[in-house]
Amino acid sequence: MSGDRYKLQVQPRDDRGSRHSRRLRAQGVVPGVLYGKGEPRAIAVPERELRAALTGNSGLHAILDVVLEGQQTVHPSILADLQQDPIRGTVSHIDLREVRLDQPIQATVVVQLVGESEGVKGGGVLSLVTRELQVEALPTEIPENVIADISGLAIGDVLRLEDLPAIENVIFLDDPHETVVATVSAPRVEIEPEVEAEAELEGEEGEAAEGAEEAGEAGEAPAESSDEE
């Protein structure tokens, strides 16, 4: 659960241009926005502190006690959005959303498969169909992930959201019957190379025969008629 809370000291920033944001990133500081009561506030937070807060037991669902530099007011917040540099993997921008700890929120939670499927042991193919689920709970009750045990899945079985055990104080927002979490399908049968080659040869011979027949029909000359004197 996201019961872990981390104090996050941030700095307000006035400049919002791309040049200013690049300058901040070069200094190891992540630009962001804090959404809450009133107008959104532009902020900046050291990337090292941000990573430390988001790599704890609660992961990306940790409660962040945001404190703006020069103030004492604590703004309990959650991570609303995180953007990363596609090459370096560094955090390039964050959006934080202020929340009330006594009111439920909606969040996206990752599905984690556990166990070894009996169908996979027999050669079946496991497919994770739904990677994320929508849930509703108090900010401190949002699970880090949803555990899906696939141990009992045989070939041809389907694991749906309705098959997962309930999580205390958490409401699933996706359709429990229509949401397929994982499946185990039969292994794909591959044609042996010899059989495939033989089939191709037969096809070529058939095409050659048809071509010769068409050529023969096209080459027949019409019968000559005798001229009367």
Protein backbone atom coordinates (compact mmCIF):
# COMPACT_ATOMS: atom_id res chain seq x y z
CA MET A 1 0.00 0.00 0.00
CA SER A 2 1.03 3.61 -0.47
CA GLY A 3 1.18 4.34 3.23
CA ASP A 4 4.76 5.56 2.97
CA ARG A 5 5.13 9.33 3.20
CA TYR A 6 8.14 11.36 2.15
CA LYS A 7 8.86 15.01 2.77
CA LEU A 8 9.76 16.69 -0.49
CA GLN A 9 11.28 20.16 -0.37
CA VAL A 10 10.60 22.02 -3.62
CA GLN A 11 11.41 25.44 -4.96
CA PRO A 12 8.91 27.74 -6.63
CA ARG A 13 10.01 28.88 -10.09
CA ASP A 14 8.88 31.89 -12.04
CA ASP A 15 10.35 31.11 -15.46
CA ARG A 16 8.51 28.43 -17.41
CA GLY A 17 10.31 28.57 -20.73
CA SER A 18 12.07 25.63 -22.32
CA ARG A 19 15.49 27.29 -21.94
CA HIS A 20 14.96 27.65 -18.20
CA SER A 21 13.81 24.01 -17.95
CA ARG A 22 16.91 22.80 -19.80
CA ARG A 23 19.09 24.84 -17.46
CA LEU A 24 17.43 23.23 -14.44
CA ARG A 25 17.90 19.71 -15.81
CA ALA A 26 21.56 20.42 -16.46
CA GLN A 27 21.85 21.25 -12.76
CA GLY A 28 20.16 18.00 -11.71
CA VAL A 29 16.85 19.70 -10.93
CA VAL A 30 13.49 18.55 -12.31
CA PRO A 31 10.91 21.15 -13.35
CA GLY A 32 7.30 20.40 -12.50
CA VAL A 33 3.86 21.66 -11.60
CA LEU A 34 1.94 21.29 -8.35
CA TYR A 35 -1.83 21.15 -8.87
CA GLY A 36 -4.10 21.81 -5.94
CA LYS A 37 -6.22 24.57 -4.50
CA GLY A 38 -6.06 27.69 -6.61
CA GLU A 39 -3.77 28.17 -9.55
CA PRO A 40 -1.18 25.53 -10.48
CA ARG A 41 2.26 26.36 -9.12
CA ALA A 42 5.46 25.88 -11.07
CA ILE A 43 8.05 24.06 -8.95
CA ALA A 44 11.53 22.60 -9.16
CA VAL A 45 12.85 19.62 -7.17
CA PRO A 46 16.29 17.97 -7.05
CA GLU A 47 16.12 14.75 -9.08
CA ARG A 48 18.07 12.79 -6.45
CA GLU A 49 15.49 13.59 -3.76
CA LEU A 50 12.63 12.84 -6.13
CA ARG A 51 14.04 9.44 -7.06
CA ALA A 52 14.59 8.58 -3.40
CA ALA A 53 10.94 9.37 -2.66
CA LEU A 54 9.59 7.35 -5.58
CA THR A 55 11.74 4.22 -5.16
CA GLY A 56 10.55 3.27 -1.68
CA ASN A 57 8.12 0.52 -0.77
CA SER A 58 5.16 2.45 -2.19
CA GLY A 59 6.85 3.17 -5.49
CA LEU A 60 5.13 5.75 -7.66
CA HIS A 61 2.11 5.76 -5.32
CA ALA A 62 3.93 7.23 -2.32
CA ILE A 63 2.40 10.18 -0.51
CA LEU A 64 4.65 13.19 -1.00
CA ASP A 65 4.49 15.85 1.71
CA VAL A 66 5.42 18.79 -0.47
CA VAL A 67 6.82 21.87 1.25
CA LEU A 68 7.62 24.97 -0.78
CA GLU A 69 10.86 26.67 0.07
CA GLY A 70 10.35 29.47 2.59
CA GLN A 71 6.99 28.06 3.75
CA GLN A 72 5.87 25.63 6.45
CA THR A 73 2.58 24.46 4.97
CA VAL A 74 2.60 20.79 4.01
CA HIS A 75 0.81 19.81 0.79
CA PRO A 76 0.11 16.04 0.77
CA SER A 77 0.39 15.12 -2.90
CA ILE A 78 0.66 12.20 -5.27
CA LEU A 79 2.54 11.82 -8.53
CA ALA A 80 0.11 12.61 -11.35
CA ASP A 81 2.52 12.37 -14.28
CA LEU A 82 6.20 11.70 -14.86
CA GLN A 83 8.13 12.26 -18.08
CA GLN A 84 11.52 10.74 -18.74
CA ASP A 85 14.26 11.41 -21.24
CA PRO A 86 13.98 8.56 -23.79
CA ILE A 87 17.77 8.25 -24.11
CA ARG A 88 19.23 9.06 -20.69
CA GLY A 89 16.29 7.75 -18.67
CA THR A 90 16.42 10.80 -16.40
CA VAL A 91 13.23 12.47 -15.16
CA SER A 92 12.52 15.52 -17.32
CA HIS A 93 9.23 16.78 -15.84
CA ILE A 94 6.72 15.90 -13.11
CA ASP A 95 3.15 16.81 -12.27
CA LEU A 96 2.11 16.54 -8.60
CA ARG A 97 -1.51 16.62 -7.47
CA GLU A 98 -2.45 17.75 -3.99
CA VAL A 99 -4.91 15.38 -2.29
CA ARG A 100 -6.93 15.05 0.87
CA LEU A 101 -5.98 11.94 2.79
CA ASP A 102 -9.59 11.37 3.94
CA GLN A 103 -11.05 11.35 0.41
CA PRO A 104 -10.70 8.52 -2.14
CA ILE A 105 -8.84 9.06 -5.39
CA GLN A 106 -8.58 7.12 -8.63
CA ALA A 107 -5.26 5.71 -9.77
CA THR A 108 -3.71 3.40 -12.35
CA VAL A 109 -2.03 0.32 -10.88
CA VAL A 110 0.27 -2.15 -12.65
CA VAL A 111 -0.63 -5.87 -12.81
CA GLN A 112 2.07 -8.25 -11.55
CA LEU A 113 1.85 -11.93 -12.50
CA VAL A 114 3.08 -14.49 -9.96
CA GLY A 115 3.36 -18.27 -10.04
CA GLU A 116 4.04 -20.71 -12.86
CA SER A 117 1.13 -21.76 -15.03
CA GLU A 118 0.42 -25.47 -15.46
CA GLY A 119 -0.43 -24.73 -19.08
CA VAL A 120 2.92 -23.08 -19.69
CA LYS A 121 4.66 -26.13 -18.21
CA GLY A 122 2.84 -28.18 -20.84
CA GLY A 123 4.00 -25.97 -23.68
CA GLY A 124 1.27 -23.33 -23.64
CA VAL A 125 1.88 -19.66 -24.35
CA LEU A 126 1.16 -17.10 -21.60
CA SER A 127 -0.11 -13.66 -22.62
CA LEU A 128 -0.51 -10.68 -20.31
CA VAL A 129 -3.54 -8.95 -21.82
CA THR A 130 -4.18 -6.15 -19.33
CA ARG A 131 -1.07 -4.52 -17.90
CA GLU A 132 -2.79 -1.81 -15.83
CA LEU A 133 -6.01 -1.57 -13.84
CA GLN A 134 -7.98 1.42 -12.61
CA VAL A 135 -8.70 1.51 -8.88
CA GLU A 136 -10.27 3.82 -6.33
CA ALA A 137 -9.17 4.10 -2.72
CA LEU A 138 -7.89 6.53 -0.13
CA PRO A 139 -4.48 7.94 -1.09
CA THR A 140 -2.82 5.87 1.63
CA GLU A 141 -4.59 2.67 0.48
CA ILE A 142 -3.63 2.67 -3.21
CA PRO A 143 -1.75 -0.62 -3.81
CA GLU A 144 1.67 -0.54 -5.42
CA ASN A 145 0.49 -3.25 -7.83
CA VAL A 146 -2.24 -5.84 -8.30
CA ILE A 147 -1.07 -9.42 -7.83
CA ALA A 148 -2.47 -11.99 -10.27
CA ASP A 149 -1.67 -15.65 -9.52
CA ILE A 150 -1.51 -17.68 -12.73
CA SER A 151 -0.52 -21.01 -11.14
CA GLY A 152 -3.88 -22.64 -11.88
CA LEU A 153 -4.12 -21.63 -15.53
CA ALA A 154 -4.19 -24.55 -17.97
CA ILE A 155 -4.03 -24.35 -21.76
CA GLY A 156 -7.14 -22.54 -22.97
CA ASP A 157 -7.85 -20.85 -19.62
CA VAL A 158 -8.61 -17.15 -19.24
CA LEU A 159 -7.93 -15.13 -16.09
CA ARG A 160 -10.37 -12.26 -15.66
CA LEU A 161 -10.50 -9.41 -13.20
CA GLU A 162 -13.41 -11.13 -11.44
CA ASP A 163 -11.10 -14.07 -10.70
CA LEU A 164 -8.66 -11.95 -8.69
CA PRO A 165 -9.05 -11.76 -4.92
CA ALA A 166 -10.53 -8.57 -3.52
CA ILE A 167 -8.20 -6.00 -1.98
CA GLU A 168 -9.38 -4.50 1.27
CA ASN A 169 -10.56 -0.89 0.95
CA VAL A 170 -9.84 -0.88 -2.79
CA ILE A 171 -12.49 -0.70 -5.54
CA PHE A 172 -11.72 -1.94 -9.06
CA LEU A 173 -13.18 0.40 -11.67
CA ASP A 174 -12.72 -1.85 -14.72
CA ASP A 175 -15.46 -4.27 -15.78
CA PRO A 176 -14.77 -7.44 -13.73
CA HIS A 177 -16.06 -9.86 -16.39
CA GLU A 178 -14.97 -8.12 -19.58
CA THR A 179 -11.45 -7.31 -18.36
CA VAL A 180 -9.14 -10.17 -19.32
CA VAL A 181 -5.93 -10.11 -17.33
CA ALA A 182 -4.05 -13.09 -18.80
CA THR A 183 -4.54 -16.10 -21.06
CA VAL A 184 -2.74 -19.36 -21.79
CA SER A 185 -3.13 -20.50 -25.39
CA ALA A 186 -2.12 -23.69 -27.13
CA PRO A 187 1.38 -23.73 -28.66
CA ARG A 188 1.56 -22.72 -32.29
CA VAL A 189 2.12 -25.70 -34.61
CA GLU A 190 4.92 -25.06 -37.09
CA ILE A 191 5.11 -26.83 -40.46
CA GLU A 192 8.19 -29.03 -40.80
CA PRO A 193 10.64 -27.74 -43.45
CA GLU A 194 10.43 -30.98 -45.53
CA VAL A 195 6.64 -30.90 -45.62
CA GLU A 196 6.62 -27.21 -46.44
CA ALA A 197 9.15 -27.71 -49.26
CA GLU A 198 7.14 -30.63 -50.67
CA ALA A 199 3.98 -28.54 -50.64
CA GLU A 200 5.76 -25.72 -52.49
CA LEU A 201 7.11 -28.19 -55.09
CA GLU A 202 3.66 -29.65 -55.73
CA GLY A 203 2.30 -26.14 -56.11
CA GLU A 204 5.00 -25.24 -58.65
CA GLU A 205 4.38 -28.41 -60.65
CA GLY A 206 0.66 -27.70 -60.72
CA GLU A 207 1.25 -24.15 -61.89
CA ALA A 208 3.65 -25.40 -64.60
CA ALA A 209 1.08 -27.91 -65.87
CA GLU A 210 -1.62 -25.28 -66.01
CA GLY A 211 0.72 -22.93 -67.83
CA ALA A 212 1.57 -25.56 -70.45
CA GLU A 213 -2.11 -26.34 -71.01
CA GLU A 214 -2.95 -22.67 -71.46
CA ALA A 215 -0.02 -22.27 -73.84
CA GLY A 216 -1.21 -25.26 -75.91
CA GLU A 217 -4.70 -23.86 -76.21
CA ALA A 218 -3.39 -20.49 -77.24
CA GLY A 219 -1.11 -22.07 -79.91
CA GLU A 220 -3.83 -24.00 -81.83
CA ALA A 221 -4.36 -22.53 -85.29
CA PRO A 222 -7.89 -22.32 -86.71
CA ALA A 223 -8.77 -24.88 -89.43
CA GLU A 224 -8.18 -23.66 -93.04
CA SER A 225 -11.24 -23.48 -95.28
CA SER A 226 -10.99 -24.43 -99.00
CA ASP A 227 -11.70 -21.66 -101.49
CA GLU A 228 -14.29 -22.41 -104.15
CA GLU A 229 -13.17 -21.76 -107.71
